[in-house]
PDB file of N, CA and C in Angstrom:
ATOM      1  N   TRP A   1       0.855  -1.268  -0.056  1.00  0.00           N
ATOM      2  CA  TRP A   1      -0.063  -0.048  -0.005  1.00  0.00           C
ATOM      3  C   TRP A   1       0.889   1.235   0.032  1.00  0.00           C
ATOM      4  N   VAL A   2       0.402   2.239  -0.598  1.00  0.00           N
ATOM      5  CA  VAL A   2       0.944   3.558  -0.500  1.00  0.00           C
ATOM      6  C   VAL A   2      -0.091   4.475   0.096  1.00  0.00           C
ATOM      7  N   TYR A   3       0.243   5.110   1.079  1.00  0.00           N
ATOM      8  CA  TYR A   3      -0.571   5.972   1.801  1.00  0.00           C
ATOM      9  C   TYR A   3       0.024   7.536   1.583  1.00  0.00           C
ATOM     10  N   TYR A   4      -0.794   8.441   1.443  1.00  0.00           N
ATOM     11  CA  TYR A   4      -0.528   9.808   1.665  1.00  0.00           C
ATOM     12  C   TYR A   4       0.714  10.204   0.819  1.00  0.00           C
ATOM     13  N   LEU A   5       0.823   9.817  -0.323  1.00  0.00           N
ATOM     14  CA  LEU A   5       1.863  10.451  -1.160  1.00  0.00           C
ATOM     15  C   LEU A   5       1.476  11.865  -1.604  1.00  0.00           C
ATOM     16  N   ALA A   6       2.311  12.662  -1.391  1.00  0.00           N
ATOM     17  CA  ALA A   6       1.932  14.007  -1.790  1.00  0.00           C
ATOM     18  C   ALA A   6       3.110  14.957  -2.201  1.00  0.00           C
ATOM     19  N   VAL A   7       2.810  15.868  -3.145  1.00  0.00           N
ATOM     20  CA  VAL A   7       3.677  16.895  -3.691  1.00  0.00           C
ATOM     21  C   VAL A   7       3.228  18.169  -3.393  1.00  0.00           C
ATOM     22  N   ALA A   8       4.128  19.172  -2.705  1.00  0.00           N
ATOM     23  CA  ALA A   8       3.814  20.441  -2.341  1.00  0.00           C
ATOM     24  C   ALA A   8       3.221  21.136  -3.574  1.00  0.00           C
ATOM     25  N   PRO A   9       2.038  21.716  -3.398  1.00  0.00           N
ATOM     26  CA  PRO A   9       1.478  22.633  -4.543  1.00  0.00           C
ATOM     27  C   PRO A   9       2.600  23.447  -5.337  1.00  0.00           C
ATOM     28  N   SER A  10       3.456  24.072  -4.789  1.00  0.00           N
ATOM     29  CA  SER A  10       4.471  24.734  -5.481  1.00  0.00           C
ATOM     30  C   SER A  10       5.201  24.040  -6.373  1.00  0.00           C
ATOM     31  N   HIS A  11       5.366  22.599  -6.198  1.00  0.00           N
ATOM     32  CA  HIS A  11       6.195  21.514  -7.021  1.00  0.00           C
ATOM     33  C   HIS A  11       5.363  20.708  -7.892  1.00  0.00           C
ATOM     34  N   ARG A  12       4.101  20.848  -7.917  1.00  0.00           N
ATOM     35  CA  ARG A  12       3.153  20.072  -8.762  1.00  0.00           C
ATOM     36  C   ARG A  12       3.435  20.538 -10.292  1.00  0.00           C
ATOM     37  N   LYS A  13       3.157  19.464 -11.188  1.00  0.00           N
ATOM     38  CA  LYS A  13       3.352  19.560 -12.574  1.00  0.00           C
ATOM     39  C   LYS A  13       4.749  19.577 -12.954  1.00  0.00           C
ATOM     40  N   LEU A  14       5.713  19.122 -12.072  1.00  0.00           N
ATOM     41  CA  LEU A  14       7.029  18.917 -12.453  1.00  0.00           C
ATOM     42  C   LEU A  14       7.403  17.412 -12.537  1.00  0.00           C
ATOM     43  N   SER A  15       6.580  16.514 -12.387  1.00  0.00           N
ATOM     44  CA  SER A  15       6.931  14.962 -12.501  1.00  0.00           C
ATOM     45  C   SER A  15       7.377  14.488 -11.319  1.00  0.00           C
ATOM     46  N   TYR A  16       7.243  15.239 -10.178  1.00  0.00           N
ATOM     47  CA  TYR A  16       7.882  14.766  -8.980  1.00  0.00           C
ATOM     48  C   TYR A  16       6.854  13.555  -8.433  1.00  0.00           C
ATOM     49  N   GLY A  17       5.580  13.662  -8.509  1.00  0.00           N
ATOM     50  CA  GLY A  17       4.701  12.532  -8.165  1.00  0.00           C
ATOM     51  C   GLY A  17       4.880  11.321  -9.004  1.00  0.00           C
ATOM     52  N   THR A  18       5.109  11.473 -10.281  1.00  0.00           N
ATOM     53  CA  THR A  18       5.399  10.165 -11.099  1.00  0.00           C
ATOM     54  C   THR A  18       6.641   9.702 -10.776  1.00  0.00           C
ATOM     55  N   LEU A  19       7.896  10.564 -10.593  1.00  0.00           N
ATOM     56  CA  LEU A  19       9.073   9.841  -9.975  1.00  0.00           C
ATOM     57  C   LEU A  19       8.863   9.143  -8.773  1.00  0.00           C
ATOM     58  N   LEU A  20       8.253   9.739  -7.798  1.00  0.00           N
ATOM     59  CA  LEU A  20       8.095   8.963  -6.443  1.00  0.00           C
ATOM     60  C   LEU A  20       7.238   7.786  -6.676  1.00  0.00           C
ATOM     61  N   MET A  21       6.270   7.631  -7.478  1.00  0.00           N
ATOM     62  CA  MET A  21       5.461   6.335  -7.614  1.00  0.00           C
ATOM     63  C   MET A  21       6.343   5.362  -8.385  1.00  0.00           C
ATOM     64  N   ARG A  22       6.878   5.881  -9.380  1.00  0.00           N
ATOM     65  CA  ARG A  22       7.922   5.067 -10.227  1.00  0.00           C
ATOM     66  C   ARG A  22       8.930   4.198  -9.370  1.00  0.00           C
ATOM     67  N   GLU A  23       9.492   5.050  -8.516  1.00  0.00           N
ATOM     68  CA  GLU A  23      10.459   4.564  -7.528  1.00  0.00           C
ATOM     69  C   GLU A  23      10.026   3.529  -6.513  1.00  0.00           C
ATOM     70  N   ALA A  24       8.907   3.823  -5.985  1.00  0.00           N
ATOM     71  CA  ALA A  24       8.089   3.075  -5.257  1.00  0.00           C
ATOM     72  C   ALA A  24       7.767   1.848  -5.749  1.00  0.00           C
ATOM     73  N   GLU A  25       7.309   1.795  -7.052  1.00  0.00           N
ATOM     74  CA  GLU A  25       6.868   0.677  -7.823  1.00  0.00           C
ATOM     75  C   GLU A  25       8.372  -0.245  -8.229  1.00  0.00           C
ATOM     76  N   ARG A  26       9.202   0.510  -8.348  1.00  0.00           N
ATOM     77  CA  ARG A  26      10.671  -0.435  -8.569  1.00  0.00           C
ATOM     78  C   ARG A  26      11.166  -1.011  -7.379  1.00  0.00           C
ATOM     79  N   LEU A  27      11.015  -0.371  -6.263  1.00  0.00           N
ATOM     80  CA  LEU A  27      11.483  -0.811  -4.958  1.00  0.00           C
ATOM     81  C   LEU A  27      10.649  -2.085  -4.625  1.00  0.00           C
ATOM     82  N   LEU A  28       9.567  -2.025  -4.892  1.00  0.00           N
ATOM     83  CA  LEU A  28       8.456  -3.111  -4.428  1.00  0.00           C
ATOM     84  C   LEU A  28       8.651  -4.371  -5.552  1.00  0.00           C
ATOM     85  N   MET A  29       8.819  -4.105  -6.663  1.00  0.00           N
ATOM     86  CA  MET A  29       9.128  -5.188  -7.619  1.00  0.00           C
ATOM     87  C   MET A  29      10.439  -5.833  -7.329  1.00  0.00           C
ATOM     88  N   GLU A  30      11.388  -5.013  -6.854  1.00  0.00           N
ATOM     89  CA  GLU A  30      12.692  -5.765  -6.535  1.00  0.00           C
ATOM     90  C   GLU A  30      12.627  -6.533  -5.402  1.00  0.00           C
ATOM     91  N   ARG A  31      11.468  -6.320  -4.480  1.00  0.00           N
ATOM     92  CA  ARG A  31      11.513  -7.150  -3.392  1.00  0.00           C
ATOM     93  C   ARG A  31      10.403  -8.317  -3.707  1.00  0.00           C
ATOM     94  N   GLY A  32       9.960  -8.329  -4.900  1.00  0.00           N
ATOM     95  CA  GLY A  32       9.046  -9.476  -5.389  1.00  0.00           C
ATOM     96  C   GLY A  32       7.527  -9.076  -5.063  1.00  0.00           C
ATOM     97  N   CYS A  33       7.215  -7.989  -4.726  1.00  0.00           N
ATOM     98  CA  CYS A  33       5.957  -7.457  -4.622  1.00  0.00           C
ATOM     99  C   CYS A  33       4.931  -7.642  -5.828  1.00  0.00           C
ATOM    100  N   PRO A  34       4.134  -8.575  -5.890  1.00  0.00           N
ATOM    101  CA  PRO A  34       3.117  -8.538  -7.014  1.00  0.00           C
ATOM    102  C   PRO A  34       2.026  -7.289  -7.472  1.00  0.00           C
ATOM    103  N   LYS A  35       1.820  -6.670  -6.306  1.00  0.00           N
ATOM    104  CA  LYS A  35       0.704  -5.553  -6.647  1.00  0.00           C
ATOM    105  C   LYS A  35       1.013  -4.535  -5.718  1.00  0.00           C
ATOM    106  N   LEU A  36       0.755  -3.212  -6.231  1.00  0.00           N
ATOM    107  CA  LEU A  36       0.652  -2.079  -5.292  1.00  0.00           C
ATOM    108  C   LEU A  36      -0.725  -1.614  -5.378  1.00  0.00           C
ATOM    109  N   CYS A  37      -1.250  -1.192  -4.164  1.00  0.00           N
ATOM    110  CA  CYS A  37      -2.571  -0.758  -3.844  1.00  0.00           C
ATOM    111  C   CYS A  37      -2.480   0.744  -3.274  1.00  0.00           C
ATOM    112  N   LEU A  38      -3.442   1.665  -3.705  1.00  0.00           N
ATOM    113  CA  LEU A  38      -3.679   2.876  -3.273  1.00  0.00           C
ATOM    114  C   LEU A  38      -5.129   3.016  -2.658  1.00  0.00           C
ATOM    115  N   MET A  39      -5.154   3.954  -2.035  1.00  0.00           N
ATOM    116  CA  MET A  39      -6.541   4.458  -1.408  1.00  0.00           C
ATOM    117  C   MET A  39      -6.558   6.118  -1.715  1.00  0.00           C
ATOM    118  N   VAL A  40      -7.637   6.222  -2.577  1.00  0.00           N
ATOM    119  CA  VAL A  40      -7.718   7.700  -3.004  1.00  0.00           C
ATOM    120  C   VAL A  40      -9.325   8.123  -2.706  1.00  0.00           C
ATOM    121  N   ARG A  41      -9.455   9.055  -1.936  1.00  0.00           N
ATOM    122  CA  ARG A  41     -10.940   9.560  -1.843  1.00  0.00           C
ATOM    123  C   ARG A  41     -11.509   9.714  -3.305  1.00  0.00           C
ATOM    124  N   SER A  42     -12.811   9.297  -3.312  1.00  0.00           N
ATOM    125  CA  SER A  42     -13.367   9.356  -4.524  1.00  0.00           C
ATOM    126  C   SER A  42     -13.762  10.831  -5.093  1.00  0.00           C
ATOM    127  N   THR A  43     -13.785  11.724  -4.084  1.00  0.00           N
ATOM    128  CA  THR A  43     -13.831  13.049  -4.260  1.00  0.00           C
ATOM    129  C   THR A  43     -12.708  13.949  -4.956  1.00  0.00           C
ATOM    130  N   ASN A  44     -11.501  13.177  -4.765  1.00  0.00           N
ATOM    131  CA  ASN A  44     -10.258  13.967  -5.155  1.00  0.00           C
ATOM    132  C   ASN A  44      -9.954  13.515  -6.502  1.00  0.00           C
ATOM    133  N   GLU A  45     -10.819  14.005  -7.415  1.00  0.00           N
ATOM    134  CA  GLU A  45     -10.740  13.837  -8.792  1.00  0.00           C
ATOM    135  C   GLU A  45      -9.451  13.939  -9.442  1.00  0.00           C
ATOM    136  N   GLY A  46      -8.696  15.103  -9.138  1.00  0.00           N
ATOM    137  CA  GLY A  46      -7.283  15.241  -9.760  1.00  0.00           C
ATOM    138  C   GLY A  46      -6.423  14.070  -9.488  1.00  0.00           C
ATOM    139  N   VAL A  47      -6.361  13.508  -8.385  1.00  0.00           N
ATOM    140  CA  VAL A  47      -5.557  12.519  -7.838  1.00  0.00           C
ATOM    141  C   VAL A  47      -5.939  11.285  -8.495  1.00  0.00           C
ATOM    142  N   VAL A  48      -7.277  11.044  -8.677  1.00  0.00           N
ATOM    143  CA  VAL A  48      -7.530   9.861  -9.352  1.00  0.00           C
ATOM    144  C   VAL A  48      -7.211   9.784 -10.738  1.00  0.00           C
ATOM    145  N   ALA A  49      -7.320  11.122 -11.343  1.00  0.00           N
ATOM    146  CA  ALA A  49      -6.747  11.160 -12.652  1.00  0.00           C
ATOM    147  C   ALA A  49      -5.283  10.927 -12.839  1.00  0.00           C
ATOM    148  N   PHE A  50      -4.500  11.424 -11.933  1.00  0.00           N
ATOM    149  CA  PHE A  50      -3.104  11.472 -11.787  1.00  0.00           C
ATOM    150  C   PHE A  50      -2.749   9.710 -11.905  1.00  0.00           C
ATOM    151  N   TYR A  51      -3.574   8.918 -10.994  1.00  0.00           N
ATOM    152  CA  TYR A  51      -2.974   7.620 -10.755  1.00  0.00           C
ATOM    153  C   TYR A  51      -3.613   6.841 -12.200  1.00  0.00           C
ATOM    154  N   ARG A  52      -4.706   7.262 -12.731  1.00  0.00           N
ATOM    155  CA  ARG A  52      -5.048   6.557 -13.843  1.00  0.00           C
ATOM    156  C   ARG A  52      -4.130   6.775 -15.077  1.00  0.00           C
ATOM    157  N   GLN A  53      -3.469   8.197 -15.128  1.00  0.00           N
ATOM    158  CA  GLN A  53      -2.465   8.198 -16.137  1.00  0.00           C
ATOM    159  C   GLN A  53      -1.149   7.340 -15.900  1.00  0.00           C
ATOM    160  N   LEU A  54      -1.017   6.960 -14.675  1.00  0.00           N
ATOM    161  CA  LEU A  54       0.040   6.124 -14.387  1.00  0.00           C
ATOM    162  C   LEU A  54      -0.180   4.591 -14.838  1.00  0.00           C
ATOM    163  N   GLY A  55      -1.636   4.263 -15.040  1.00  0.00           N
ATOM    164  CA  GLY A  55      -1.782   3.007 -15.323  1.00  0.00           C
ATOM    165  C   GLY A  55      -2.598   2.287 -14.166  1.00  0.00           C
ATOM    166  N   TYR A  56      -2.953   2.965 -13.303  1.00  0.00           N
ATOM    167  CA  TYR A  56      -3.815   2.259 -12.154  1.00  0.00           C
ATOM    168  C   TYR A  56      -5.170   2.265 -12.587  1.00  0.00           C
ATOM    169  N   THR A  57      -5.788   1.031 -12.014  1.00  0.00           N
ATOM    170  CA  THR A  57      -7.208   1.145 -12.371  1.00  0.00           C
ATOM    171  C   THR A  57      -7.918   0.921 -11.099  1.00  0.00           C
ATOM    172  N   GLN A  58      -9.290   0.937 -11.271  1.00  0.00           N
ATOM    173  CA  GLN A  58     -10.091   0.847 -10.018  1.00  0.00           C
ATOM    174  C   GLN A  58     -10.616  -0.610  -9.760  1.00  0.00           C
ATOM    175  N   ASP A  59     -10.157  -1.133  -8.593  1.00  0.00           N
ATOM    176  CA  ASP A  59     -10.401  -2.347  -8.266  1.00  0.00           C
ATOM    177  C   ASP A  59     -12.019  -2.508  -7.805  1.00  0.00           C
ATOM    178  N   GLU A  60     -12.665  -3.640  -8.071  1.00  0.00           N
ATOM    179  CA  GLU A  60     -13.934  -3.603  -7.586  1.00  0.00           C
ATOM    180  C   GLU A  60     -14.115  -4.329  -6.132  1.00  0.00           C
ATOM    181  N   VAL A  61     -13.796  -3.387  -5.258  1.00  0.00           N
ATOM    182  CA  VAL A  61     -13.677  -3.858  -3.876  1.00  0.00           C
ATOM    183  C   VAL A  61     -14.589  -2.806  -3.011  1.00  0.00           C
ATOM    184  N   VAL A  62     -14.874  -3.144  -1.681  1.00  0.00           N
ATOM    185  CA  VAL A  62     -15.485  -2.380  -0.699  1.00  0.00           C
ATOM    186  C   VAL A  62     -14.510  -2.028   0.212  1.00  0.00           C
ATOM    187  N   SER A  63     -14.476  -0.662   0.424  1.00  0.00           N
ATOM    188  CA  SER A  63     -13.513  -0.287   1.655  1.00  0.00           C
ATOM    189  C   SER A  63     -14.475   0.263   2.682  1.00  0.00           C
ATOM    190  N   LEU A  64     -14.360  -0.273   3.827  1.00  0.00           N
ATOM    191  CA  LEU A  64     -15.053   0.184   4.910  1.00  0.00           C
ATOM    192  C   LEU A  64     -14.056   0.849   5.886  1.00  0.00           C
ATOM    193  N   GLY A  65     -14.771   1.852   6.539  1.00  0.00           N
ATOM    194  CA  GLY A  65     -14.045   2.570   7.666  1.00  0.00           C
ATOM    195  C   GLY A  65     -14.997   3.194   8.609  1.00  0.00           C
ATOM    196  N   ARG A  66     -14.491   3.726   9.647  1.00  0.00           N
ATOM    197  CA  ARG A  66     -15.411   4.240  10.854  1.00  0.00           C
ATOM    198  C   ARG A  66     -14.400   5.369  11.388  1.00  0.00           C
ATOM    199  N   ARG A  67     -14.831   6.353  11.431  1.00  0.00           N
ATOM    200  CA  ARG A  67     -14.090   7.685  11.891  1.00  0.00           C
ATOM    201  C   ARG A  67     -14.315   7.524  13.441  1.00  0.00           C
ATOM    202  N   LEU A  68     -12.939   7.540  14.117  1.00  0.00           N
ATOM    203  CA  LEU A  68     -13.109   7.472  15.615  1.00  0.00           C
ATOM    204  C   LEU A  68     -12.914   9.021  16.095  1.00  0.00           C
ATOM    205  N   ILE A  69     -12.269   9.773  15.305  1.00  0.00           N
ATOM    206  CA  ILE A  69     -12.021  11.189  15.627  1.00  0.00           C
ATOM    207  C   ILE A  69     -12.444  11.950  14.367  1.00  0.00           C
ATOM    208  N   ALA A  70     -13.304  12.988  14.267  1.00  0.00           N
ATOM    209  CA  ALA A  70     -13.750  13.599  13.131  1.00  0.00           C
ATOM    210  C   ALA A  70     -12.466  14.336  12.391  1.00  0.00           C
ATOM    211  N   ASP A  71     -12.535  14.578  11.296  1.00  0.00           N
ATOM    212  CA  ASP A  71     -11.373  15.249  10.542  1.00  0.00           C
ATOM    213  C   ASP A  71     -11.779  16.450   9.804  1.00  0.00           C
TER     214      ASP A  71
END
């Protein structure tokens, strides 16, 4: 899993996010990891589009959660 990967707004559109994800993929493949999973809020359309551009697709799963502290 990759959680909370982010690039500062002032550094977006410079390929840093792509570089970070490709390096994460490389390191995981090097260790024999067969799959990388992400969780992105469905309302975060820009990030969903970013990951789709990198070749990620939506899995047909149900993610359940329960907030213990409101954010």
